[in-house]
Amino acid sequence: MTNPINLIQDQLIEEFEIFDNWMDKYEYIIDQGKELPVLEEKYKRPENLIKGCQSQVWLHSELREGLVELNADSDAIITKGLIALIIRVLNHQNPKDISEVELYMTSRIGLNEHLSPSRSNGLNSMIKQIKLDALALQATQIGNLKSNLI
């Protein structure tokens, strides 16, 4: 059985293949950011800021019915588009799957080579934070299961 995260990554890669140049790809990334649901102001707290990003990126992760729900926002349009792409791939997935998956879409789309070094570092920081949040949520989930057995 194919990992659902990889199916979404493959779909995203196919979407990017229709564009001939990077200006169109950047426009698509910006459009993805515009479609990102608004992050509630109560989550725009310092502890939700992703460290390692040049722009401000807030990330709120929580467990709902055993799956990770991700919400984010940024003050920069390209960065908001990048986090939207990541959320599209990882949202509503099992925390274990999120923490273990290889996000090959970034290299296959060409993000690693077409982003500035600071944006590329920021993208890696966003992915790292989501994976850390997934691990923490997974630990919470295991702790809750253990306490229900006792």
N, C-alpha and C. Protein backbone atom coordinates (compact mmCIF):
# COMPACT_ATOMS: atom_id res chain seq x y z
N MET A 1 0.84 -1.19 0.00
CA MET A 1 0.00 0.00 0.00
C MET A 1 0.89 1.25 0.00
N THR A 2 0.59 2.18 -0.86
CA THR A 2 1.38 3.40 -0.97
C THR A 2 1.03 4.36 0.16
N ASN A 3 2.05 4.97 0.72
CA ASN A 3 1.89 5.96 1.77
C ASN A 3 1.05 7.13 1.23
N PRO A 4 -0.02 7.53 1.96
CA PRO A 4 -0.85 8.64 1.47
C PRO A 4 -0.07 9.96 1.35
N ILE A 5 0.93 10.15 2.18
CA ILE A 5 1.75 11.36 2.09
C ILE A 5 2.49 11.38 0.76
N ASN A 6 3.02 10.23 0.36
CA ASN A 6 3.74 10.17 -0.92
C ASN A 6 2.81 10.38 -2.12
N LEU A 7 1.57 9.92 -2.00
CA LEU A 7 0.60 10.16 -3.08
C LEU A 7 0.36 11.66 -3.26
N ILE A 8 0.24 12.38 -2.14
CA ILE A 8 0.03 13.83 -2.22
C ILE A 8 1.29 14.51 -2.76
N GLN A 9 2.46 14.06 -2.32
CA GLN A 9 3.71 14.62 -2.85
C GLN A 9 3.77 14.44 -4.37
N ASP A 10 3.45 13.23 -4.83
CA ASP A 10 3.50 12.95 -6.27
C ASP A 10 2.51 13.82 -7.04
N GLN A 11 1.34 14.04 -6.47
CA GLN A 11 0.35 14.90 -7.11
C GLN A 11 0.88 16.34 -7.22
N LEU A 12 1.50 16.81 -6.17
CA LEU A 12 2.06 18.17 -6.16
C LEU A 12 3.19 18.30 -7.17
N ILE A 13 4.02 17.30 -7.27
CA ILE A 13 5.11 17.30 -8.25
C ILE A 13 4.53 17.39 -9.66
N GLU A 14 3.48 16.62 -9.93
CA GLU A 14 2.82 16.66 -11.25
C GLU A 14 2.26 18.05 -11.54
N GLU A 15 1.68 18.69 -10.53
CA GLU A 15 1.14 20.04 -10.72
C GLU A 15 2.24 21.01 -11.12
N PHE A 16 3.40 20.89 -10.51
CA PHE A 16 4.51 21.80 -10.82
C PHE A 16 5.11 21.52 -12.19
N GLU A 17 4.97 20.30 -12.69
CA GLU A 17 5.53 19.95 -13.99
C GLU A 17 4.84 20.67 -15.15
N ILE A 18 3.64 21.19 -14.94
CA ILE A 18 2.94 21.87 -16.03
C ILE A 18 3.51 23.27 -16.31
N PHE A 19 4.28 23.79 -15.36
CA PHE A 19 4.85 25.12 -15.53
C PHE A 19 6.19 25.05 -16.24
N ASP A 20 6.39 25.95 -17.21
CA ASP A 20 7.62 25.96 -18.00
C ASP A 20 8.76 26.74 -17.35
N ASN A 21 8.41 27.72 -16.51
CA ASN A 21 9.47 28.55 -15.93
C ASN A 21 9.20 28.81 -14.45
N TRP A 22 10.25 29.32 -13.80
CA TRP A 22 10.15 29.51 -12.35
C TRP A 22 9.29 30.70 -11.95
N MET A 23 9.08 31.65 -12.81
CA MET A 23 8.17 32.75 -12.46
C MET A 23 6.75 32.20 -12.29
N ASP A 24 6.36 31.28 -13.17
CA ASP A 24 5.04 30.66 -13.05
C ASP A 24 4.95 29.79 -11.81
N LYS A 25 6.03 29.09 -11.49
CA LYS A 25 6.04 28.25 -10.29
C LYS A 25 5.94 29.10 -9.03
N TYR A 26 6.65 30.24 -9.01
CA TYR A 26 6.54 31.14 -7.86
C TYR A 26 5.12 31.66 -7.72
N GLU A 27 4.50 32.00 -8.83
CA GLU A 27 3.12 32.48 -8.80
C GLU A 27 2.19 31.41 -8.23
N TYR A 28 2.44 30.16 -8.60
CA TYR A 28 1.64 29.05 -8.08
C TYR A 28 1.85 28.89 -6.57
N ILE A 29 3.09 29.02 -6.13
CA ILE A 29 3.39 28.95 -4.69
C ILE A 29 2.65 30.06 -3.95
N ILE A 30 2.67 31.26 -4.50
CA ILE A 30 1.96 32.39 -3.88
C ILE A 30 0.47 32.11 -3.82
N ASP A 31 -0.09 31.56 -4.91
CA ASP A 31 -1.52 31.22 -4.93
C ASP A 31 -1.86 30.19 -3.85
N GLN A 32 -0.97 29.22 -3.64
CA GLN A 32 -1.20 28.22 -2.59
C GLN A 32 -1.28 28.91 -1.22
N GLY A 33 -0.42 29.89 -1.01
CA GLY A 33 -0.45 30.64 0.25
C GLY A 33 -1.74 31.41 0.44
N LYS A 34 -2.28 31.94 -0.65
CA LYS A 34 -3.53 32.69 -0.57
C LYS A 34 -4.70 31.78 -0.19
N GLU A 35 -4.59 30.50 -0.51
CA GLU A 35 -5.66 29.54 -0.20
C GLU A 35 -5.55 28.98 1.22
N LEU A 36 -4.45 29.28 1.89
CA LEU A 36 -4.26 28.78 3.26
C LEU A 36 -5.30 29.43 4.18
N PRO A 37 -6.03 28.61 4.95
CA PRO A 37 -7.01 29.20 5.87
C PRO A 37 -6.34 30.16 6.85
N VAL A 38 -7.06 31.16 7.27
CA VAL A 38 -6.54 32.17 8.19
C VAL A 38 -6.24 31.52 9.53
N LEU A 39 -5.06 31.81 10.06
CA LEU A 39 -4.68 31.32 11.38
C LEU A 39 -5.27 32.26 12.43
N GLU A 40 -5.96 31.68 13.39
CA GLU A 40 -6.56 32.50 14.44
C GLU A 40 -5.48 33.28 15.17
N GLU A 41 -5.80 34.51 15.52
CA GLU A 41 -4.84 35.40 16.20
C GLU A 41 -4.30 34.79 17.49
N LYS A 42 -5.12 34.00 18.18
CA LYS A 42 -4.68 33.42 19.45
C LYS A 42 -3.48 32.48 19.27
N TYR A 43 -3.25 32.00 18.04
CA TYR A 43 -2.11 31.12 17.77
C TYR A 43 -0.88 31.87 17.28
N LYS A 44 -1.01 33.17 17.06
CA LYS A 44 0.14 33.97 16.63
C LYS A 44 0.89 34.46 17.87
N ARG A 45 1.44 33.48 18.57
CA ARG A 45 2.20 33.74 19.80
C ARG A 45 3.66 33.42 19.55
N PRO A 46 4.54 34.01 20.34
CA PRO A 46 5.98 33.77 20.16
C PRO A 46 6.36 32.29 20.19
N GLU A 47 5.69 31.50 21.03
CA GLU A 47 6.05 30.08 21.11
C GLU A 47 5.64 29.29 19.86
N ASN A 48 4.80 29.88 19.02
CA ASN A 48 4.40 29.22 17.77
C ASN A 48 5.21 29.70 16.56
N LEU A 49 6.14 30.62 16.78
CA LEU A 49 7.01 31.07 15.69
C LEU A 49 8.05 30.00 15.39
N ILE A 50 8.27 29.75 14.12
CA ILE A 50 9.27 28.77 13.72
C ILE A 50 10.63 29.45 13.71
N LYS A 51 11.55 28.88 14.47
CA LYS A 51 12.91 29.43 14.51
C LYS A 51 13.66 29.00 13.26
N GLY A 52 14.49 29.89 12.74
CA GLY A 52 15.26 29.57 11.55
C GLY A 52 14.67 30.15 10.28
N CYS A 53 13.54 30.81 10.40
CA CYS A 53 12.92 31.46 9.24
C CYS A 53 13.23 32.95 9.28
N GLN A 54 13.57 33.49 8.13
CA GLN A 54 13.86 34.91 8.05
C GLN A 54 12.59 35.72 8.26
N SER A 55 11.48 35.26 7.69
CA SER A 55 10.20 35.92 7.92
C SER A 55 9.51 35.24 9.10
N GLN A 56 8.43 35.85 9.54
CA GLN A 56 7.69 35.26 10.65
C GLN A 56 6.77 34.18 10.11
N VAL A 57 6.86 33.00 10.71
CA VAL A 57 5.98 31.88 10.36
C VAL A 57 5.47 31.30 11.67
N TRP A 58 4.14 31.32 11.81
CA TRP A 58 3.52 30.74 12.99
C TRP A 58 2.95 29.39 12.59
N LEU A 59 3.13 28.42 13.47
CA LEU A 59 2.63 27.07 13.23
C LEU A 59 1.89 26.58 14.47
N HIS A 60 0.68 26.11 14.25
CA HIS A 60 -0.09 25.50 15.33
C HIS A 60 -0.41 24.07 14.91
N SER A 61 -0.01 23.11 15.73
CA SER A 61 -0.26 21.70 15.46
C SER A 61 -1.06 21.11 16.61
N GLU A 62 -2.05 20.31 16.27
CA GLU A 62 -2.79 19.61 17.32
C GLU A 62 -3.27 18.27 16.80
N LEU A 63 -3.60 17.41 17.72
CA LEU A 63 -4.07 16.07 17.39
C LEU A 63 -5.58 16.07 17.43
N ARG A 64 -6.20 15.64 16.34
CA ARG A 64 -7.65 15.52 16.28
C ARG A 64 -8.00 14.15 15.71
N GLU A 65 -8.68 13.38 16.53
CA GLU A 65 -9.10 12.04 16.12
C GLU A 65 -7.92 11.22 15.60
N GLY A 66 -6.76 11.35 16.27
CA GLY A 66 -5.59 10.56 15.95
C GLY A 66 -4.75 11.08 14.80
N LEU A 67 -5.15 12.20 14.19
CA LEU A 67 -4.42 12.77 13.08
C LEU A 67 -3.93 14.18 13.42
N VAL A 68 -2.84 14.58 12.81
CA VAL A 68 -2.27 15.89 13.07
C VAL A 68 -2.99 16.93 12.22
N GLU A 69 -3.48 17.96 12.88
CA GLU A 69 -4.08 19.09 12.17
C GLU A 69 -3.10 20.26 12.24
N LEU A 70 -2.73 20.76 11.08
CA LEU A 70 -1.75 21.84 10.98
C LEU A 70 -2.42 23.12 10.50
N ASN A 71 -2.06 24.22 11.14
CA ASN A 71 -2.49 25.54 10.72
C ASN A 71 -1.29 26.46 10.82
N ALA A 72 -1.16 27.36 9.85
CA ALA A 72 0.02 28.23 9.84
C ALA A 72 -0.30 29.54 9.14
N ASP A 73 0.61 30.48 9.31
CA ASP A 73 0.54 31.77 8.62
C ASP A 73 1.94 32.34 8.56
N SER A 74 2.14 33.28 7.66
CA SER A 74 3.41 33.97 7.54
C SER A 74 3.15 35.40 7.12
N ASP A 75 4.13 36.26 7.42
CA ASP A 75 4.03 37.65 7.00
C ASP A 75 4.66 37.88 5.63
N ALA A 76 5.15 36.82 4.99
CA ALA A 76 5.77 36.93 3.66
C ALA A 76 5.02 36.01 2.69
N ILE A 77 4.72 36.51 1.50
CA ILE A 77 3.83 35.77 0.60
C ILE A 77 4.44 34.47 0.07
N ILE A 78 5.71 34.48 -0.25
CA ILE A 78 6.33 33.23 -0.76
C ILE A 78 6.45 32.22 0.38
N THR A 79 6.84 32.69 1.54
CA THR A 79 6.97 31.81 2.70
C THR A 79 5.62 31.21 3.07
N LYS A 80 4.58 32.02 3.00
CA LYS A 80 3.23 31.53 3.28
C LYS A 80 2.85 30.45 2.26
N GLY A 81 3.25 30.63 1.01
CA GLY A 81 3.00 29.61 0.00
C GLY A 81 3.77 28.33 0.26
N LEU A 82 5.00 28.46 0.73
CA LEU A 82 5.81 27.27 1.03
C LEU A 82 5.21 26.46 2.18
N ILE A 83 4.79 27.16 3.24
CA ILE A 83 4.19 26.43 4.36
C ILE A 83 2.86 25.83 3.93
N ALA A 84 2.14 26.50 3.03
CA ALA A 84 0.88 25.95 2.51
C ALA A 84 1.13 24.64 1.77
N LEU A 85 2.21 24.57 0.99
CA LEU A 85 2.54 23.34 0.27
C LEU A 85 2.82 22.20 1.25
N ILE A 86 3.59 22.51 2.28
CA ILE A 86 3.94 21.49 3.27
C ILE A 86 2.69 21.01 4.01
N ILE A 87 1.85 21.96 4.38
CA ILE A 87 0.61 21.60 5.08
C ILE A 87 -0.27 20.74 4.18
N ARG A 88 -0.33 21.09 2.93
CA ARG A 88 -1.14 20.30 1.99
C ARG A 88 -0.70 18.84 1.97
N VAL A 89 0.59 18.61 2.10
CA VAL A 89 1.13 17.25 2.08
C VAL A 89 0.96 16.54 3.43
N LEU A 90 1.15 17.25 4.52
CA LEU A 90 1.22 16.60 5.83
C LEU A 90 -0.03 16.74 6.71
N ASN A 91 -0.94 17.61 6.34
CA ASN A 91 -2.13 17.84 7.17
C ASN A 91 -3.02 16.60 7.20
N HIS A 92 -3.60 16.37 8.36
CA HIS A 92 -4.53 15.26 8.58
C HIS A 92 -3.89 13.90 8.32
N GLN A 93 -2.64 13.78 8.72
CA GLN A 93 -1.91 12.51 8.61
C GLN A 93 -1.57 12.00 10.00
N ASN A 94 -1.24 10.74 10.07
CA ASN A 94 -0.83 10.11 11.31
C ASN A 94 0.50 10.71 11.78
N PRO A 95 0.64 11.04 13.07
CA PRO A 95 1.89 11.66 13.53
C PRO A 95 3.13 10.82 13.26
N LYS A 96 3.02 9.51 13.38
CA LYS A 96 4.15 8.62 13.12
C LYS A 96 4.58 8.73 11.65
N ASP A 97 3.61 8.75 10.75
CA ASP A 97 3.92 8.87 9.32
C ASP A 97 4.60 10.19 9.01
N ILE A 98 4.13 11.27 9.63
CA ILE A 98 4.72 12.59 9.42
C ILE A 98 6.17 12.60 9.90
N SER A 99 6.40 12.05 11.08
CA SER A 99 7.75 12.11 11.64
C SER A 99 8.74 11.25 10.86
N GLU A 100 8.26 10.23 10.15
CA GLU A 100 9.15 9.32 9.46
C GLU A 100 9.29 9.56 7.96
N VAL A 101 8.38 10.31 7.37
CA VAL A 101 8.36 10.45 5.90
C VAL A 101 9.53 11.30 5.40
N GLU A 102 10.00 10.96 4.22
CA GLU A 102 10.98 11.79 3.53
C GLU A 102 10.20 12.72 2.60
N LEU A 103 10.38 14.00 2.75
CA LEU A 103 9.69 14.95 1.88
C LEU A 103 10.56 15.20 0.64
N TYR A 104 10.45 14.31 -0.31
CA TYR A 104 11.23 14.39 -1.55
C TYR A 104 10.68 15.41 -2.52
N MET A 105 9.47 15.89 -2.26
CA MET A 105 8.86 16.84 -3.20
C MET A 105 9.67 18.13 -3.33
N THR A 106 10.33 18.55 -2.25
CA THR A 106 11.06 19.82 -2.31
C THR A 106 12.18 19.76 -3.34
N SER A 107 12.88 18.63 -3.39
CA SER A 107 13.96 18.52 -4.38
C SER A 107 13.41 18.22 -5.77
N ARG A 108 12.35 17.40 -5.85
CA ARG A 108 11.80 17.03 -7.16
C ARG A 108 11.14 18.22 -7.85
N ILE A 109 10.55 19.12 -7.06
CA ILE A 109 9.96 20.33 -7.63
C ILE A 109 11.07 21.30 -8.03
N GLY A 110 12.19 21.24 -7.32
CA GLY A 110 13.31 22.14 -7.59
C GLY A 110 13.41 23.28 -6.59
N LEU A 111 12.66 23.17 -5.51
CA LEU A 111 12.68 24.25 -4.51
C LEU A 111 14.07 24.44 -3.92
N ASN A 112 14.74 23.34 -3.65
CA ASN A 112 16.06 23.44 -3.02
C ASN A 112 17.04 24.25 -3.84
N GLU A 113 16.94 24.19 -5.15
CA GLU A 113 17.91 24.91 -5.99
C GLU A 113 17.41 26.27 -6.47
N HIS A 114 16.11 26.55 -6.35
CA HIS A 114 15.59 27.83 -6.84
C HIS A 114 15.22 28.82 -5.75
N LEU A 115 15.31 28.40 -4.51
CA LEU A 115 15.06 29.33 -3.41
C LEU A 115 16.38 29.94 -2.97
N SER A 116 16.31 31.14 -2.44
CA SER A 116 17.51 31.75 -1.87
C SER A 116 17.95 30.89 -0.68
N PRO A 117 19.23 30.97 -0.31
CA PRO A 117 19.69 30.17 0.84
C PRO A 117 18.88 30.41 2.11
N SER A 118 18.50 31.65 2.36
CA SER A 118 17.73 31.92 3.58
C SER A 118 16.32 31.33 3.50
N ARG A 119 15.70 31.38 2.32
CA ARG A 119 14.38 30.76 2.17
C ARG A 119 14.47 29.25 2.24
N SER A 120 15.53 28.69 1.66
CA SER A 120 15.73 27.24 1.72
C SER A 120 15.93 26.78 3.16
N ASN A 121 16.70 27.53 3.93
CA ASN A 121 16.87 27.23 5.36
C ASN A 121 15.54 27.33 6.10
N GLY A 122 14.77 28.34 5.75
CA GLY A 122 13.45 28.51 6.36
C GLY A 122 12.53 27.35 6.05
N LEU A 123 12.55 26.90 4.80
CA LEU A 123 11.74 25.74 4.39
C LEU A 123 12.13 24.51 5.20
N ASN A 124 13.42 24.28 5.34
CA ASN A 124 13.90 23.15 6.13
C ASN A 124 13.49 23.29 7.60
N SER A 125 13.51 24.51 8.12
CA SER A 125 13.08 24.75 9.50
C SER A 125 11.59 24.45 9.68
N MET A 126 10.79 24.81 8.69
CA MET A 126 9.35 24.53 8.76
C MET A 126 9.10 23.02 8.79
N ILE A 127 9.77 22.30 7.92
CA ILE A 127 9.61 20.85 7.86
C ILE A 127 10.07 20.22 9.18
N LYS A 128 11.21 20.67 9.67
CA LYS A 128 11.74 20.13 10.92
C LYS A 128 10.77 20.38 12.08
N GLN A 129 10.19 21.58 12.14
CA GLN A 129 9.27 21.89 13.24
C GLN A 129 8.01 21.04 13.16
N ILE A 130 7.49 20.84 11.97
CA ILE A 130 6.29 20.01 11.83
C ILE A 130 6.59 18.58 12.26
N LYS A 131 7.77 18.07 11.88
CA LYS A 131 8.15 16.71 12.28
C LYS A 131 8.33 16.62 13.81
N LEU A 132 8.92 17.65 14.41
CA LEU A 132 9.07 17.67 15.88
C LEU A 132 7.70 17.71 16.56
N ASP A 133 6.81 18.54 16.04
CA ASP A 133 5.45 18.61 16.60
C ASP A 133 4.75 17.25 16.47
N ALA A 134 4.94 16.59 15.33
CA ALA A 134 4.32 15.27 15.12
C ALA A 134 4.85 14.26 16.14
N LEU A 135 6.16 14.31 16.38
CA LEU A 135 6.74 13.41 17.39
C LEU A 135 6.15 13.67 18.77
N ALA A 136 6.02 14.94 19.13
CA ALA A 136 5.45 15.30 20.43
C ALA A 136 3.99 14.84 20.53
N LEU A 137 3.24 15.03 19.45
CA LEU A 137 1.84 14.59 19.45
C LEU A 137 1.74 13.07 19.51
N GLN A 138 2.66 12.40 18.86
CA GLN A 138 2.70 10.94 18.89
C GLN A 138 2.97 10.46 20.32
N ALA A 139 3.90 11.11 21.01
CA ALA A 139 4.21 10.76 22.40
C ALA A 139 2.99 10.98 23.29
N THR A 140 2.27 12.06 23.06
CA THR A 140 1.05 12.35 23.81
C THR A 140 0.01 11.26 23.55
N GLN A 141 -0.09 10.88 22.29
CA GLN A 141 -1.05 9.85 21.89
C GLN A 141 -0.73 8.52 22.59
N ILE A 142 0.54 8.16 22.62
CA ILE A 142 0.96 6.92 23.28
C ILE A 142 0.72 7.01 24.78
N GLY A 143 1.02 8.17 25.36
CA GLY A 143 0.78 8.37 26.79
C GLY A 143 -0.69 8.24 27.13
N ASN A 144 -1.56 8.78 26.28
CA ASN A 144 -3.00 8.67 26.51
C ASN A 144 -3.47 7.22 26.41
N LEU A 145 -2.92 6.47 25.46
CA LEU A 145 -3.28 5.06 25.31
C LEU A 145 -2.86 4.26 26.54
N LYS A 146 -1.66 4.54 27.04
CA LYS A 146 -1.16 3.83 28.22
C LYS A 146 -2.02 4.13 29.44
N SER A 147 -2.39 5.40 29.61
CA SER A 147 -3.19 5.75 30.78
C SER A 147 -4.59 5.17 30.69
N ASN A 148 -5.10 4.97 29.48
CA ASN A 148 -6.43 4.34 29.34
C ASN A 148 -6.37 2.85 29.66
N LEU A 149 -5.20 2.24 29.50
CA LEU A 149 -5.06 0.81 29.80
C LEU A 149 -4.93 0.53 31.28
N ILE A 150 -4.48 1.55 32.01
CA ILE A 150 -4.23 1.36 33.46
C ILE A 150 -5.51 1.42 34.25
